[in-house]
Amino acid sequence: MSQVFKALSDPTRRRVLQLLRKGPMSAGELSDQFDVSKPTMSAHFAVLKEADLVHTERDGKSVIYHLKLTVLEEALLGFVHSFGIGAEAADPGKETAR
């Protein structure tokens, strides 16, 4: 979970994830959306891959990035549940005191 939050801590990486919600994009297409160097973008992509938030596939010379939304959802739900929030949803058999 800490790798996911490290990845989410940077606004550029959050924007990459937002762009990928619309569908897969090549590294070049993603890089064109930012005013940073290609090595900087490569470092951002590496952090996202390390956190397992994206996966890649080769298409000729291009690298295509895909969002792994389930990993993000699981990390965020795990974080919320660690504070006891939404625990009832995680355990439907548990009744809440009123």
C-alpha atoms as a PDB file:
ATOM      1  CA  MET A   1       0.000   0.000   0.000  1.00  0.00           C
ATOM      2  CA  SER A   2       2.862   2.400   0.742  1.00  0.00           C
ATOM      3  CA  GLN A   3       4.096   2.145  -2.865  1.00  0.00           C
ATOM      4  CA  VAL A   4       0.638   3.136  -4.092  1.00  0.00           C
ATOM      5  CA  PHE A   5       0.573   6.201  -1.849  1.00  0.00           C
ATOM      6  CA  LYS A   6       4.124   7.111  -2.861  1.00  0.00           C
ATOM      7  CA  ALA A   7       2.966   6.976  -6.478  1.00  0.00           C
ATOM      8  CA  LEU A   8      -0.124   9.048  -5.706  1.00  0.00           C
ATOM      9  CA  SER A   9       1.866  11.675  -3.797  1.00  0.00           C
ATOM     10  CA  ASP A  10       3.043  13.327  -7.006  1.00  0.00           C
ATOM     11  CA  PRO A  11       0.644  15.483  -9.065  1.00  0.00           C
ATOM     12  CA  THR A  12       2.239  14.419 -12.356  1.00  0.00           C
ATOM     13  CA  ARG A  13       1.661  10.748 -11.588  1.00  0.00           C
ATOM     14  CA  ARG A  14      -1.920  11.437 -10.487  1.00  0.00           C
ATOM     15  CA  ARG A  15      -2.495  13.226 -13.795  1.00  0.00           C
ATOM     16  CA  VAL A  16      -1.046  10.257 -15.713  1.00  0.00           C
ATOM     17  CA  LEU A  17      -3.548   7.987 -13.958  1.00  0.00           C
ATOM     18  CA  GLN A  18      -6.382  10.400 -14.786  1.00  0.00           C
ATOM     19  CA  LEU A  19      -5.365  10.379 -18.451  1.00  0.00           C
ATOM     20  CA  LEU A  20      -5.236   6.579 -18.483  1.00  0.00           C
ATOM     21  CA  ARG A  21      -8.801   6.383 -17.151  1.00  0.00           C
ATOM     22  CA  LYS A  22      -9.861   7.411 -20.661  1.00  0.00           C
ATOM     23  CA  GLY A  23      -7.974   4.448 -22.132  1.00  0.00           C
ATOM     24  CA  PRO A  24      -4.502   3.122 -22.905  1.00  0.00           C
ATOM     25  CA  MET A  25      -1.925   5.617 -24.123  1.00  0.00           C
ATOM     26  CA  SER A  26       1.633   5.374 -25.388  1.00  0.00           C
ATOM     27  CA  ALA A  27       4.527   6.745 -23.369  1.00  0.00           C
ATOM     28  CA  GLY A  28       4.957   9.438 -26.009  1.00  0.00           C
ATOM     29  CA  GLU A  29       1.301  10.477 -25.899  1.00  0.00           C
ATOM     30  CA  LEU A  30       1.464  10.720 -22.119  1.00  0.00           C
ATOM     31  CA  SER A  31       4.764  12.608 -22.149  1.00  0.00           C
ATOM     32  CA  ASP A  32       3.339  15.148 -24.603  1.00  0.00           C
ATOM     33  CA  GLN A  33       0.832  16.183 -21.918  1.00  0.00           C
ATOM     34  CA  PHE A  34       3.591  17.425 -19.585  1.00  0.00           C
ATOM     35  CA  ASP A  35       6.305  20.053 -19.747  1.00  0.00           C
ATOM     36  CA  VAL A  36       9.049  17.802 -18.349  1.00  0.00           C
ATOM     37  CA  SER A  37      11.918  15.828 -19.861  1.00  0.00           C
ATOM     38  CA  LYS A  38      11.504  12.287 -21.140  1.00  0.00           C
ATOM     39  CA  PRO A  39      13.853  10.912 -18.448  1.00  0.00           C
ATOM     40  CA  THR A  40      11.665  12.572 -15.798  1.00  0.00           C
ATOM     41  CA  MET A  41       8.562  10.995 -17.309  1.00  0.00           C
ATOM     42  CA  SER A  42      10.326   7.626 -17.448  1.00  0.00           C
ATOM     43  CA  ALA A  43      11.003   7.935 -13.720  1.00  0.00           C
ATOM     44  CA  HIS A  44       7.313   8.694 -13.091  1.00  0.00           C
ATOM     45  CA  PHE A  45       6.301   5.685 -15.196  1.00  0.00           C
ATOM     46  CA  ALA A  46       8.712   3.485 -13.219  1.00  0.00           C
ATOM     47  CA  VAL A  47       7.124   4.547  -9.914  1.00  0.00           C
ATOM     48  CA  LEU A  48       3.645   3.806 -11.269  1.00  0.00           C
ATOM     49  CA  LYS A  49       4.775   0.375 -12.493  1.00  0.00           C
ATOM     50  CA  GLU A  50       6.486  -0.376  -9.176  1.00  0.00           C
ATOM     51  CA  ALA A  51       3.227   0.418  -7.384  1.00  0.00           C
ATOM     52  CA  ASP A  52       1.450  -1.905  -9.854  1.00  0.00           C
ATOM     53  CA  LEU A  53      -0.917   0.904 -10.869  1.00  0.00           C
ATOM     54  CA  VAL A  54      -0.143   0.479 -14.568  1.00  0.00           C
ATOM     55  CA  HIS A  55       0.960  -2.295 -16.862  1.00  0.00           C
ATOM     56  CA  THR A  56       2.658  -1.980 -20.194  1.00  0.00           C
ATOM     57  CA  GLU A  57       2.658  -3.707 -23.530  1.00  0.00           C
ATOM     58  CA  ARG A  58       4.896  -3.249 -26.507  1.00  0.00           C
ATOM     59  CA  ASP A  59       3.431  -2.144 -29.813  1.00  0.00           C
ATOM     60  CA  GLY A  60       6.337  -2.022 -32.229  1.00  0.00           C
ATOM     61  CA  LYS A  61       8.674   0.629 -30.839  1.00  0.00           C
ATOM     62  CA  SER A  62       5.988   2.130 -28.594  1.00  0.00           C
ATOM     63  CA  VAL A  63       5.221   1.258 -25.013  1.00  0.00           C
ATOM     64  CA  ILE A  64       1.493   1.378 -24.257  1.00  0.00           C
ATOM     65  CA  TYR A  65       0.382   2.076 -20.693  1.00  0.00           C
ATOM     66  CA  HIS A  66      -2.823   0.684 -19.203  1.00  0.00           C
ATOM     67  CA  LEU A  67      -4.390   1.671 -15.886  1.00  0.00           C
ATOM     68  CA  LYS A  68      -4.844  -1.101 -13.321  1.00  0.00           C
ATOM     69  CA  LEU A  69      -7.822   0.430 -11.570  1.00  0.00           C
ATOM     70  CA  THR A  70      -8.463  -2.577  -9.328  1.00  0.00           C
ATOM     71  CA  VAL A  71      -5.069  -2.115  -7.635  1.00  0.00           C
ATOM     72  CA  LEU A  72      -5.896   1.517  -6.899  1.00  0.00           C
ATOM     73  CA  GLU A  73      -9.359   0.610  -5.602  1.00  0.00           C
ATOM     74  CA  GLU A  74      -7.983  -2.129  -3.345  1.00  0.00           C
ATOM     75  CA  ALA A  75      -5.300   0.164  -1.887  1.00  0.00           C
ATOM     76  CA  LEU A  76      -7.770   2.946  -1.192  1.00  0.00           C
ATOM     77  CA  LEU A  77     -10.306   0.563   0.362  1.00  0.00           C
ATOM     78  CA  GLY A  78      -7.577  -1.001   2.497  1.00  0.00           C
ATOM     79  CA  PHE A  79      -6.529   2.442   3.680  1.00  0.00           C
ATOM     80  CA  VAL A  80     -10.087   3.445   4.551  1.00  0.00           C
ATOM     81  CA  HIS A  81     -10.712   0.168   6.370  1.00  0.00           C
ATOM     82  CA  SER A  82      -7.501   0.583   8.394  1.00  0.00           C
ATOM     83  CA  PHE A  83      -9.258   3.509  10.099  1.00  0.00           C
ATOM     84  CA  GLY A  84     -12.397   1.496  10.744  1.00  0.00           C
ATOM     85  CA  ILE A  85     -14.302   3.483   8.136  1.00  0.00           C
ATOM     86  CA  GLY A  86     -16.554   1.413   5.951  1.00  0.00           C
ATOM     87  CA  ALA A  87     -15.862  -1.697   8.017  1.00  0.00           C
ATOM     88  CA  GLU A  88     -19.553  -2.531   7.930  1.00  0.00           C
ATOM     89  CA  ALA A  89     -19.401  -2.704   4.151  1.00  0.00           C
ATOM     90  CA  ALA A  90     -16.420  -5.027   4.393  1.00  0.00           C
ATOM     91  CA  ASP A  91     -18.247  -7.354   6.795  1.00  0.00           C
ATOM     92  CA  PRO A  92     -21.921  -7.527   5.732  1.00  0.00           C
ATOM     93  CA  GLY A  93     -22.728  -9.973   8.556  1.00  0.00           C
ATOM     94  CA  LYS A  94     -21.695  -7.485  11.210  1.00  0.00           C
ATOM     95  CA  GLU A  95     -24.467  -5.389  12.706  1.00  0.00           C
ATOM     96  CA  THR A  96     -23.830  -1.861  13.826  1.00  0.00           C
ATOM     97  CA  ALA A  97     -24.872  -0.559  17.232  1.00  0.00           C
ATOM     98  CA  ARG A  98     -27.419   2.230  17.209  1.00  0.00           C
END
